[in-house]
Amino acid sequence: MVSDYSGLSSQTTWELQQARAATARYRNIENAIKDGYSNINVVVENMGHHYMKSEYVDGAFDPRKPEILVYDPDEEGNFELVAVEYAVPLNLPRPEGFTGSADVWDGNAGFQLWLLHAWVWAYNPNGVFNPLNPNVHLHDEHN
């Protein structure tokens, strides 16, 4: 089950569907790597493993071009795409992002980026834009 988009405008839902369609090929992590996403060694419980395409970190928000893909390894160590994440340099104004006010951008001083998660590939009971997903549990034997 993917995230529940109830309560979001039809425009926001359409934008999330665009993000999902644009990243479908990255469900296979090898396709993401071939297209320039690289492991940035950010592994966070209730998020996952982060792969970034640095050339996309340019200050422009495009739902179809997430700067970061987030993967969760299953029990066998296979990486499953669970979320997309948007990143805009922190020295720029807070991005508008998705239509409406439901998205939650985090100004991350450590990475010097505005960050926004969208759980378009895995259900998040906390909401599609919440950065943490209690359903994502890293499997220690594969980290």
C-alpha atoms as a PDB file:
ATOM      1  CA  MET A   1       0.000   0.000   0.000  1.00  0.00           C
ATOM      2  CA  VAL A   2       1.327   3.435  -0.891  1.00  0.00           C
ATOM      3  CA  SER A   3       0.735   6.576   1.092  1.00  0.00           C
ATOM      4  CA  ASP A   4      -2.761   7.826   1.685  1.00  0.00           C
ATOM      5  CA  TYR A   5      -3.323  11.076  -0.190  1.00  0.00           C
ATOM      6  CA  SER A   6      -6.669  11.822   1.468  1.00  0.00           C
ATOM      7  CA  GLY A   7      -7.023  15.407   2.570  1.00  0.00           C
ATOM      8  CA  LEU A   8      -4.704  16.655  -0.172  1.00  0.00           C
ATOM      9  CA  SER A   9      -5.891  18.732  -3.093  1.00  0.00           C
ATOM     10  CA  SER A  10      -6.348  17.097  -6.470  1.00  0.00           C
ATOM     11  CA  GLN A  11      -3.394  19.170  -7.747  1.00  0.00           C
ATOM     12  CA  THR A  12      -1.107  17.918  -4.956  1.00  0.00           C
ATOM     13  CA  THR A  13      -2.254  14.350  -5.568  1.00  0.00           C
ATOM     14  CA  TRP A  14      -1.512  14.757  -9.281  1.00  0.00           C
ATOM     15  CA  GLU A  15       1.975  16.101  -8.468  1.00  0.00           C
ATOM     16  CA  LEU A  16       2.646  13.116  -6.182  1.00  0.00           C
ATOM     17  CA  GLN A  17       1.478  10.769  -8.929  1.00  0.00           C
ATOM     18  CA  GLN A  18       3.892  12.520 -11.299  1.00  0.00           C
ATOM     19  CA  ALA A  19       6.725  11.918  -8.815  1.00  0.00           C
ATOM     20  CA  ARG A  20       5.780   8.266  -8.579  1.00  0.00           C
ATOM     21  CA  ALA A  21       5.562   7.804 -12.350  1.00  0.00           C
ATOM     22  CA  ALA A  22       8.879   9.583 -12.923  1.00  0.00           C
ATOM     23  CA  THR A  23      10.695   7.357 -10.427  1.00  0.00           C
ATOM     24  CA  ALA A  24       9.116   3.999 -11.281  1.00  0.00           C
ATOM     25  CA  ARG A  25      12.260   2.864 -13.105  1.00  0.00           C
ATOM     26  CA  TYR A  26      14.262   3.487  -9.923  1.00  0.00           C
ATOM     27  CA  ARG A  27      12.476   0.732  -8.070  1.00  0.00           C
ATOM     28  CA  ASN A  28      15.446  -1.173  -9.457  1.00  0.00           C
ATOM     29  CA  ILE A  29      18.339   0.544  -7.686  1.00  0.00           C
ATOM     30  CA  GLU A  30      20.697  -0.338 -10.543  1.00  0.00           C
ATOM     31  CA  ASN A  31      18.716   2.005 -12.811  1.00  0.00           C
ATOM     32  CA  ALA A  32      19.116   4.805 -10.281  1.00  0.00           C
ATOM     33  CA  ILE A  33      22.870   4.258 -10.116  1.00  0.00           C
ATOM     34  CA  LYS A  34      23.124   4.169 -13.928  1.00  0.00           C
ATOM     35  CA  ASP A  35      21.239   7.483 -14.077  1.00  0.00           C
ATOM     36  CA  GLY A  36      23.633   9.223 -11.703  1.00  0.00           C
ATOM     37  CA  TYR A  37      22.192   8.675  -8.230  1.00  0.00           C
ATOM     38  CA  SER A  38      24.949   7.758  -5.796  1.00  0.00           C
ATOM     39  CA  ASN A  39      25.032   6.482  -2.250  1.00  0.00           C
ATOM     40  CA  ILE A  40      25.665   9.462   0.039  1.00  0.00           C
ATOM     41  CA  ASN A  41      26.090   7.204   3.088  1.00  0.00           C
ATOM     42  CA  VAL A  42      23.129   8.681   4.921  1.00  0.00           C
ATOM     43  CA  VAL A  43      21.301   5.830   6.619  1.00  0.00           C
ATOM     44  CA  VAL A  44      18.549   6.782   9.051  1.00  0.00           C
ATOM     45  CA  GLU A  45      16.145   4.553  10.971  1.00  0.00           C
ATOM     46  CA  ASN A  46      12.538   5.232   9.917  1.00  0.00           C
ATOM     47  CA  MET A  47      13.862   6.721   6.658  1.00  0.00           C
ATOM     48  CA  GLY A  48      16.318   4.436   4.909  1.00  0.00           C
ATOM     49  CA  HIS A  49      19.385   4.641   2.653  1.00  0.00           C
ATOM     50  CA  HIS A  50      19.750   7.858   0.661  1.00  0.00           C
ATOM     51  CA  TYR A  51      20.984   8.109  -2.940  1.00  0.00           C
ATOM     52  CA  MET A  52      21.491  11.590  -4.388  1.00  0.00           C
ATOM     53  CA  LYS A  53      21.768  12.994  -7.878  1.00  0.00           C
ATOM     54  CA  SER A  54      23.908  16.054  -7.144  1.00  0.00           C
ATOM     55  CA  GLU A  55      23.271  17.753 -10.480  1.00  0.00           C
ATOM     56  CA  TYR A  56      19.603  18.109  -9.485  1.00  0.00           C
ATOM     57  CA  VAL A  57      20.500  20.167  -6.385  1.00  0.00           C
ATOM     58  CA  ASP A  58      20.109  23.446  -8.219  1.00  0.00           C
ATOM     59  CA  GLY A  59      17.406  25.372  -6.405  1.00  0.00           C
ATOM     60  CA  ALA A  60      14.593  24.292  -8.713  1.00  0.00           C
ATOM     61  CA  PHE A  61      11.721  22.167  -7.424  1.00  0.00           C
ATOM     62  CA  ASP A  62      10.329  19.664  -9.913  1.00  0.00           C
ATOM     63  CA  PRO A  63       8.188  16.826  -8.535  1.00  0.00           C
ATOM     64  CA  ARG A  64       9.434  14.632 -11.396  1.00  0.00           C
ATOM     65  CA  LYS A  65      13.119  15.162 -10.545  1.00  0.00           C
ATOM     66  CA  PRO A  66      13.761  14.319  -6.904  1.00  0.00           C
ATOM     67  CA  GLU A  67      17.300  15.022  -5.823  1.00  0.00           C
ATOM     68  CA  ILE A  68      17.310  12.023  -3.474  1.00  0.00           C
ATOM     69  CA  LEU A  69      15.853   8.518  -3.631  1.00  0.00           C
ATOM     70  CA  VAL A  70      15.300   6.678  -0.353  1.00  0.00           C
ATOM     71  CA  TYR A  71      15.581   2.894  -0.152  1.00  0.00           C
ATOM     72  CA  ASP A  72      14.809   0.375   2.569  1.00  0.00           C
ATOM     73  CA  PRO A  73      16.523  -3.010   2.440  1.00  0.00           C
ATOM     74  CA  ASP A  74      14.300  -6.024   2.931  1.00  0.00           C
ATOM     75  CA  GLU A  75      15.286  -9.070   4.993  1.00  0.00           C
ATOM     76  CA  GLU A  76      17.306 -10.441   2.047  1.00  0.00           C
ATOM     77  CA  GLY A  77      19.172  -7.161   1.556  1.00  0.00           C
ATOM     78  CA  ASN A  78      17.300  -6.137  -1.602  1.00  0.00           C
ATOM     79  CA  PHE A  79      16.792  -2.388  -1.739  1.00  0.00           C
ATOM     80  CA  GLU A  80      13.186  -1.261  -2.122  1.00  0.00           C
ATOM     81  CA  LEU A  81      12.385   2.300  -3.172  1.00  0.00           C
ATOM     82  CA  VAL A  82      10.178   3.786  -0.448  1.00  0.00           C
ATOM     83  CA  ALA A  83      10.361   7.561  -0.838  1.00  0.00           C
ATOM     84  CA  VAL A  84      11.644  10.440  -2.877  1.00  0.00           C
ATOM     85  CA  GLU A  85      13.262  13.446  -1.274  1.00  0.00           C
ATOM     86  CA  TYR A  86      13.704  16.952  -2.555  1.00  0.00           C
ATOM     87  CA  ALA A  87      16.741  19.067  -1.705  1.00  0.00           C
ATOM     88  CA  VAL A  88      17.268  22.774  -2.286  1.00  0.00           C
ATOM     89  CA  PRO A  89      20.302  24.741  -1.055  1.00  0.00           C
ATOM     90  CA  LEU A  90      19.606  26.314   2.326  1.00  0.00           C
ATOM     91  CA  ASN A  91      20.971  29.688   1.216  1.00  0.00           C
ATOM     92  CA  LEU A  92      17.887  30.009  -1.016  1.00  0.00           C
ATOM     93  CA  PRO A  93      14.401  30.864   0.285  1.00  0.00           C
ATOM     94  CA  ARG A  94      12.233  28.013   1.560  1.00  0.00           C
ATOM     95  CA  PRO A  95      10.886  26.312  -1.578  1.00  0.00           C
ATOM     96  CA  GLU A  96       7.215  26.429  -2.490  1.00  0.00           C
ATOM     97  CA  GLY A  97       7.220  22.711  -3.254  1.00  0.00           C
ATOM     98  CA  PHE A  98       3.981  20.878  -3.797  1.00  0.00           C
ATOM     99  CA  THR A  99       0.717  22.746  -4.223  1.00  0.00           C
ATOM    100  CA  GLY A 100      -0.905  23.602  -0.896  1.00  0.00           C
ATOM    101  CA  SER A 101       0.560  23.719   2.579  1.00  0.00           C
ATOM    102  CA  ALA A 102       0.768  20.013   3.474  1.00  0.00           C
ATOM    103  CA  ASP A 103       4.434  19.539   2.591  1.00  0.00           C
ATOM    104  CA  VAL A 104       6.920  20.063   5.410  1.00  0.00           C
ATOM    105  CA  TRP A 105      10.341  21.385   4.379  1.00  0.00           C
ATOM    106  CA  ASP A 106      13.127  20.940   6.922  1.00  0.00           C
ATOM    107  CA  GLY A 107      15.967  23.454   6.933  1.00  0.00           C
ATOM    108  CA  ASN A 108      18.854  21.092   7.664  1.00  0.00           C
ATOM    109  CA  ALA A 109      21.903  23.071   8.817  1.00  0.00           C
ATOM    110  CA  GLY A 110      24.144  19.994   8.764  1.00  0.00           C
ATOM    111  CA  PHE A 111      23.580  19.382   5.060  1.00  0.00           C
ATOM    112  CA  GLN A 112      22.907  23.048   4.233  1.00  0.00           C
ATOM    113  CA  LEU A 113      19.755  21.972   2.423  1.00  0.00           C
ATOM    114  CA  TRP A 114      16.024  22.421   2.581  1.00  0.00           C
ATOM    115  CA  LEU A 115      14.728  18.825   2.592  1.00  0.00           C
ATOM    116  CA  LEU A 116      11.304  17.359   1.879  1.00  0.00           C
ATOM    117  CA  HIS A 117      10.320  13.683   1.900  1.00  0.00           C
ATOM    118  CA  ALA A 118       7.425  12.301  -0.122  1.00  0.00           C
ATOM    119  CA  TRP A 119       6.518   8.680   0.617  1.00  0.00           C
ATOM    120  CA  VAL A 120       5.203   7.831  -2.835  1.00  0.00           C
ATOM    121  CA  TRP A 121       6.357   4.187  -2.803  1.00  0.00           C
ATOM    122  CA  ALA A 122       5.554   3.112   0.769  1.00  0.00           C
ATOM    123  CA  TYR A 123       2.658   3.807   3.080  1.00  0.00           C
ATOM    124  CA  ASN A 124       3.499   6.219   5.876  1.00  0.00           C
ATOM    125  CA  PRO A 125       0.867   6.313   8.643  1.00  0.00           C
ATOM    126  CA  ASN A 126       2.285   9.701   9.701  1.00  0.00           C
ATOM    127  CA  GLY A 127       1.476  11.225   6.314  1.00  0.00           C
ATOM    128  CA  VAL A 128       3.005  11.337   2.870  1.00  0.00           C
ATOM    129  CA  PHE A 129       5.240  14.332   3.693  1.00  0.00           C
ATOM    130  CA  ASN A 130       6.364  13.324   7.187  1.00  0.00           C
ATOM    131  CA  PRO A 131      10.135  12.729   7.181  1.00  0.00           C
ATOM    132  CA  LEU A 132       9.919   9.659   9.429  1.00  0.00           C
ATOM    133  CA  ASN A 133       8.057   6.474   8.591  1.00  0.00           C
ATOM    134  CA  PRO A 134       7.587   3.991  11.451  1.00  0.00           C
ATOM    135  CA  ASN A 135       7.143   1.202   8.887  1.00  0.00           C
ATOM    136  CA  VAL A 136      10.756   1.549   7.710  1.00  0.00           C
ATOM    137  CA  HIS A 137      13.110  -0.494   9.852  1.00  0.00           C
ATOM    138  CA  LEU A 138      16.707  -0.958   8.870  1.00  0.00           C
ATOM    139  CA  HIS A 139      17.829  -4.558   8.998  1.00  0.00           C
ATOM    140  CA  ASP A 140      21.093  -4.530  10.962  1.00  0.00           C
ATOM    141  CA  GLU A 141      22.515  -7.583   9.255  1.00  0.00           C
ATOM    142  CA  HIS A 142      22.515  -5.731   5.913  1.00  0.00           C
ATOM    143  CA  ASN A 143      23.847  -2.302   6.928  1.00  0.00           C
END
